[in-house]
Amino acid sequence: MNVQDLCRFTRLATPGDIQFLLQEFKPRDIERHEVEEISKLPFQEALRQSLMYSKAYVIDLDGTIEGVFGINDYDPGVGIPWLLVSDRVLQEHPRTFARYSRRILNRLSKPYHLLFNYVFKENEAAVQWLRFLGFQFFDNQFYFSDFGPPCLLFYKEL
């Protein structure tokens, strides 16, 4: 699959997609845990809120939704980017996904001057991907619970 192919398979989420995502979508285990730990909400509720408060896009491969992403508004000009993908995207199409991510991030981030969010430090695939996209990381680690894994705050000034 090349970048143009992935562009064809990325589209605005429909109401039917949102139902599927809330009921059946299976992100990587580490991402599910990350969402629950940072948001302090059950996975489906955190996803529902993200879908409700952002323009969400899906990655549809062969008729199956394999990823969802968007940017939630935080303050005027400040956004919170988020992404959930299945193992299939990272195992079968890692380079294409990374290259296309730059294009979609550039398009989605136009209304913002700053993007930020948190990521589990141990989520090495996400940390590597974020660095590839030009995000920077604070040196400090953050913990969202006494026994939770360390998180990194990442940001990008646009």
C-alpha atoms as a PDB file:
ATOM      1  CA  MET A   1       0.000   0.000   0.000  1.00  0.00           C
ATOM      2  CA  ASN A   2       1.360   3.430  -0.891  1.00  0.00           C
ATOM      3  CA  VAL A   3       0.562   6.856   0.539  1.00  0.00           C
ATOM      4  CA  GLN A   4      -2.118   7.554  -2.089  1.00  0.00           C
ATOM      5  CA  ASP A   5      -3.828   4.282  -1.198  1.00  0.00           C
ATOM      6  CA  LEU A   6      -3.870   5.179   2.486  1.00  0.00           C
ATOM      7  CA  CYS A   7      -5.318   8.602   1.628  1.00  0.00           C
ATOM      8  CA  ARG A   8      -8.221   6.818  -0.078  1.00  0.00           C
ATOM      9  CA  PHE A   9      -8.827   4.756   3.052  1.00  0.00           C
ATOM     10  CA  THR A  10      -8.870   7.688   5.467  1.00  0.00           C
ATOM     11  CA  ARG A  11     -12.185   9.467   5.769  1.00  0.00           C
ATOM     12  CA  LEU A  12     -14.409  11.429   8.106  1.00  0.00           C
ATOM     13  CA  ALA A  13     -16.143   9.141  10.582  1.00  0.00           C
ATOM     14  CA  THR A  14     -19.840   8.513   9.913  1.00  0.00           C
ATOM     15  CA  PRO A  15     -22.501   7.837  12.581  1.00  0.00           C
ATOM     16  CA  GLY A  16     -22.273   4.135  11.637  1.00  0.00           C
ATOM     17  CA  ASP A  17     -18.494   4.205  12.125  1.00  0.00           C
ATOM     18  CA  ILE A  18     -18.957   5.739  15.549  1.00  0.00           C
ATOM     19  CA  GLN A  19     -21.354   2.929  16.551  1.00  0.00           C
ATOM     20  CA  PHE A  20     -18.799   0.358  15.359  1.00  0.00           C
ATOM     21  CA  LEU A  21     -15.969   2.114  17.187  1.00  0.00           C
ATOM     22  CA  LEU A  22     -17.889   2.241  20.452  1.00  0.00           C
ATOM     23  CA  GLN A  23     -18.997  -1.383  20.271  1.00  0.00           C
ATOM     24  CA  GLU A  24     -16.395  -3.396  18.369  1.00  0.00           C
ATOM     25  CA  PHE A  25     -13.148  -1.528  17.642  1.00  0.00           C
ATOM     26  CA  LYS A  26     -10.073  -3.232  19.096  1.00  0.00           C
ATOM     27  CA  PRO A  27      -7.138  -0.822  19.502  1.00  0.00           C
ATOM     28  CA  ARG A  28      -3.740  -2.010  20.633  1.00  0.00           C
ATOM     29  CA  ASP A  29      -3.909  -3.140  24.275  1.00  0.00           C
ATOM     30  CA  ILE A  30      -1.411  -0.511  25.403  1.00  0.00           C
ATOM     31  CA  GLU A  31      -3.540   2.246  23.856  1.00  0.00           C
ATOM     32  CA  ARG A  32      -6.701   1.011  25.583  1.00  0.00           C
ATOM     33  CA  HIS A  33      -4.869   1.006  28.915  1.00  0.00           C
ATOM     34  CA  GLU A  34      -3.349   4.434  28.174  1.00  0.00           C
ATOM     35  CA  VAL A  35      -6.774   5.961  27.446  1.00  0.00           C
ATOM     36  CA  GLU A  36      -8.282   4.572  30.637  1.00  0.00           C
ATOM     37  CA  GLU A  37      -5.327   5.567  32.828  1.00  0.00           C
ATOM     38  CA  ILE A  38      -5.019   9.137  31.568  1.00  0.00           C
ATOM     39  CA  SER A  39      -8.730   9.944  31.178  1.00  0.00           C
ATOM     40  CA  LYS A  40      -9.850   8.086  34.326  1.00  0.00           C
ATOM     41  CA  LEU A  41     -12.824   6.856  32.288  1.00  0.00           C
ATOM     42  CA  PRO A  42     -13.782   3.458  30.912  1.00  0.00           C
ATOM     43  CA  PHE A  43     -12.431   3.077  27.384  1.00  0.00           C
ATOM     44  CA  GLN A  44     -15.792   3.339  25.571  1.00  0.00           C
ATOM     45  CA  GLU A  45     -16.755   6.515  27.464  1.00  0.00           C
ATOM     46  CA  ALA A  46     -13.402   8.186  26.803  1.00  0.00           C
ATOM     47  CA  LEU A  47     -13.661   7.278  23.117  1.00  0.00           C
ATOM     48  CA  ARG A  48     -17.271   8.496  22.972  1.00  0.00           C
ATOM     49  CA  GLN A  49     -16.233  11.876  24.401  1.00  0.00           C
ATOM     50  CA  SER A  50     -13.290  12.168  21.994  1.00  0.00           C
ATOM     51  CA  LEU A  51     -15.563  11.375  19.067  1.00  0.00           C
ATOM     52  CA  MET A  52     -18.140  13.872  20.320  1.00  0.00           C
ATOM     53  CA  TYR A  53     -15.712  16.769  20.803  1.00  0.00           C
ATOM     54  CA  SER A  54     -13.547  16.458  17.713  1.00  0.00           C
ATOM     55  CA  LYS A  55     -13.820  15.945  13.997  1.00  0.00           C
ATOM     56  CA  ALA A  56     -12.895  12.260  13.903  1.00  0.00           C
ATOM     57  CA  TYR A  57     -11.418  10.359  10.985  1.00  0.00           C
ATOM     58  CA  VAL A  58     -11.156   6.618  10.476  1.00  0.00           C
ATOM     59  CA  ILE A  59      -8.643   4.385   8.738  1.00  0.00           C
ATOM     60  CA  ASP A  60     -10.717   1.879   6.776  1.00  0.00           C
ATOM     61  CA  LEU A  61      -8.737  -1.033   5.321  1.00  0.00           C
ATOM     62  CA  ASP A  62     -10.660  -3.559   3.248  1.00  0.00           C
ATOM     63  CA  GLY A  63     -13.968  -2.489   4.798  1.00  0.00           C
ATOM     64  CA  THR A  64     -12.723  -2.802   8.383  1.00  0.00           C
ATOM     65  CA  ILE A  65     -12.026   0.190  10.590  1.00  0.00           C
ATOM     66  CA  GLU A  66      -8.438  -0.218  11.796  1.00  0.00           C
ATOM     67  CA  GLY A  67      -7.880   3.211  13.327  1.00  0.00           C
ATOM     68  CA  VAL A  68      -9.466   6.460  14.453  1.00  0.00           C
ATOM     69  CA  PHE A  69      -7.947   9.876  15.116  1.00  0.00           C
ATOM     70  CA  GLY A  70      -8.737  13.534  15.639  1.00  0.00           C
ATOM     71  CA  ILE A  71      -7.818  16.715  17.495  1.00  0.00           C
ATOM     72  CA  ASN A  72      -9.929  17.949  20.399  1.00  0.00           C
ATOM     73  CA  ASP A  73     -10.037  21.688  21.105  1.00  0.00           C
ATOM     74  CA  TYR A  74      -8.475  22.638  24.442  1.00  0.00           C
ATOM     75  CA  ASP A  75      -8.263  26.434  24.271  1.00  0.00           C
ATOM     76  CA  PRO A  76      -8.438  28.765  21.283  1.00  0.00           C
ATOM     77  CA  GLY A  77      -5.493  27.769  19.098  1.00  0.00           C
ATOM     78  CA  VAL A  78      -4.558  24.811  21.320  1.00  0.00           C
ATOM     79  CA  GLY A  79      -5.490  21.238  20.464  1.00  0.00           C
ATOM     80  CA  ILE A  80      -5.149  17.743  21.859  1.00  0.00           C
ATOM     81  CA  PRO A  81      -4.289  15.239  19.116  1.00  0.00           C
ATOM     82  CA  TRP A  82      -5.257  11.619  19.629  1.00  0.00           C
ATOM     83  CA  LEU A  83      -4.971   8.387  17.713  1.00  0.00           C
ATOM     84  CA  LEU A  84      -5.977   4.765  18.223  1.00  0.00           C
ATOM     85  CA  VAL A  85      -4.915   2.073  15.760  1.00  0.00           C
ATOM     86  CA  SER A  86      -5.102  -1.672  15.540  1.00  0.00           C
ATOM     87  CA  ASP A  87      -2.007  -3.846  15.443  1.00  0.00           C
ATOM     88  CA  ARG A  88      -2.718  -4.436  11.747  1.00  0.00           C
ATOM     89  CA  VAL A  89      -1.892  -0.838  10.781  1.00  0.00           C
ATOM     90  CA  LEU A  90       1.472  -0.919  12.536  1.00  0.00           C
ATOM     91  CA  GLN A  91       2.385  -4.449  11.448  1.00  0.00           C
ATOM     92  CA  GLU A  92       1.302  -4.344   7.809  1.00  0.00           C
ATOM     93  CA  HIS A  93       1.705  -0.665   6.846  1.00  0.00           C
ATOM     94  CA  PRO A  94       4.079   1.085   9.294  1.00  0.00           C
ATOM     95  CA  ARG A  95       6.041   3.224   6.809  1.00  0.00           C
ATOM     96  CA  THR A  96       3.036   4.286   4.772  1.00  0.00           C
ATOM     97  CA  PHE A  97       1.146   5.113   7.952  1.00  0.00           C
ATOM     98  CA  ALA A  98       4.046   7.237   9.244  1.00  0.00           C
ATOM     99  CA  ARG A  99       4.479   9.163   5.981  1.00  0.00           C
ATOM    100  CA  TYR A 100       0.774   9.814   5.584  1.00  0.00           C
ATOM    101  CA  SER A 101       0.487  10.869   9.216  1.00  0.00           C
ATOM    102  CA  ARG A 102       2.607  13.926   8.467  1.00  0.00           C
ATOM    103  CA  ARG A 103       0.205  15.019   5.724  1.00  0.00           C
ATOM    104  CA  ILE A 104      -2.927  14.524   7.765  1.00  0.00           C
ATOM    105  CA  LEU A 105      -1.403  16.219  10.831  1.00  0.00           C
ATOM    106  CA  ASN A 106      -0.472  19.247   8.718  1.00  0.00           C
ATOM    107  CA  ARG A 107      -4.032  19.430   7.398  1.00  0.00           C
ATOM    108  CA  LEU A 108      -5.785  18.944  10.752  1.00  0.00           C
ATOM    109  CA  SER A 109      -3.505  21.251  12.741  1.00  0.00           C
ATOM    110  CA  LYS A 110      -4.080  24.411  10.659  1.00  0.00           C
ATOM    111  CA  PRO A 111      -6.400  26.064  13.252  1.00  0.00           C
ATOM    112  CA  TYR A 112      -3.875  25.529  16.065  1.00  0.00           C
ATOM    113  CA  HIS A 113      -0.623  27.095  17.198  1.00  0.00           C
ATOM    114  CA  LEU A 114       0.053  24.387  19.806  1.00  0.00           C
ATOM    115  CA  LEU A 115      -0.753  20.694  20.092  1.00  0.00           C
ATOM    116  CA  PHE A 116      -0.130  18.610  23.221  1.00  0.00           C
ATOM    117  CA  ASN A 117      -1.102  15.382  24.937  1.00  0.00           C
ATOM    118  CA  TYR A 118       0.313  12.557  27.058  1.00  0.00           C
ATOM    119  CA  VAL A 119       1.610   9.146  26.065  1.00  0.00           C
ATOM    120  CA  PHE A 120       2.755   6.161  28.106  1.00  0.00           C
ATOM    121  CA  LYS A 121       6.535   6.161  28.201  1.00  0.00           C
ATOM    122  CA  GLU A 122       6.474   2.397  27.519  1.00  0.00           C
ATOM    123  CA  ASN A 123       4.378   2.882  24.358  1.00  0.00           C
ATOM    124  CA  GLU A 124       7.525   2.885  22.247  1.00  0.00           C
ATOM    125  CA  ALA A 125       5.739   2.730  18.884  1.00  0.00           C
ATOM    126  CA  ALA A 126       3.723   5.850  19.729  1.00  0.00           C
ATOM    127  CA  VAL A 127       6.736   7.739  21.115  1.00  0.00           C
ATOM    128  CA  GLN A 128       8.766   6.937  17.998  1.00  0.00           C
ATOM    129  CA  TRP A 129       5.871   7.967  15.734  1.00  0.00           C
ATOM    130  CA  LEU A 130       5.382  11.251  17.625  1.00  0.00           C
ATOM    131  CA  ARG A 131       9.083  12.086  17.311  1.00  0.00           C
ATOM    132  CA  PHE A 132       8.879  11.334  13.576  1.00  0.00           C
ATOM    133  CA  LEU A 133       5.995  13.847  13.349  1.00  0.00           C
ATOM    134  CA  GLY A 134       8.140  16.516  15.019  1.00  0.00           C
ATOM    135  CA  PHE A 135       6.648  16.475  18.504  1.00  0.00           C
ATOM    136  CA  GLN A 136       8.942  17.282  21.402  1.00  0.00           C
ATOM    137  CA  PHE A 137       8.826  15.777  24.886  1.00  0.00           C
ATOM    138  CA  PHE A 138       9.297  17.279  28.319  1.00  0.00           C
ATOM    139  CA  ASP A 139      11.989  15.515  30.337  1.00  0.00           C
ATOM    140  CA  ASN A 140       9.719  15.065  33.368  1.00  0.00           C
ATOM    141  CA  GLN A 141       7.567  11.982  33.707  1.00  0.00           C
ATOM    142  CA  PHE A 142       3.980  12.296  34.871  1.00  0.00           C
ATOM    143  CA  TYR A 143       1.884   9.778  36.765  1.00  0.00           C
ATOM    144  CA  PHE A 144      -1.906   9.780  36.649  1.00  0.00           C
ATOM    145  CA  SER A 145      -2.218   7.345  39.566  1.00  0.00           C
ATOM    146  CA  ASP A 146      -0.030   5.991  42.339  1.00  0.00           C
ATOM    147  CA  PHE A 147       0.551   2.690  40.570  1.00  0.00           C
ATOM    148  CA  GLY A 148       0.197   3.772  36.958  1.00  0.00           C
ATOM    149  CA  PRO A 149       2.977   3.732  34.392  1.00  0.00           C
ATOM    150  CA  PRO A 150       5.009   6.866  33.716  1.00  0.00           C
ATOM    151  CA  CYS A 151       3.660   9.184  31.031  1.00  0.00           C
ATOM    152  CA  LEU A 152       5.407  11.738  28.856  1.00  0.00           C
ATOM    153  CA  LEU A 153       3.952  15.116  27.917  1.00  0.00           C
ATOM    154  CA  PHE A 154       4.482  15.802  24.224  1.00  0.00           C
ATOM    155  CA  TYR A 155       3.886  19.019  22.299  1.00  0.00           C
ATOM    156  CA  LYS A 156       4.376  20.699  18.977  1.00  0.00           C
ATOM    157  CA  GLU A 157       4.401  24.417  18.278  1.00  0.00           C
ATOM    158  CA  LEU A 158       3.040  25.218  14.834  1.00  0.00           C
END
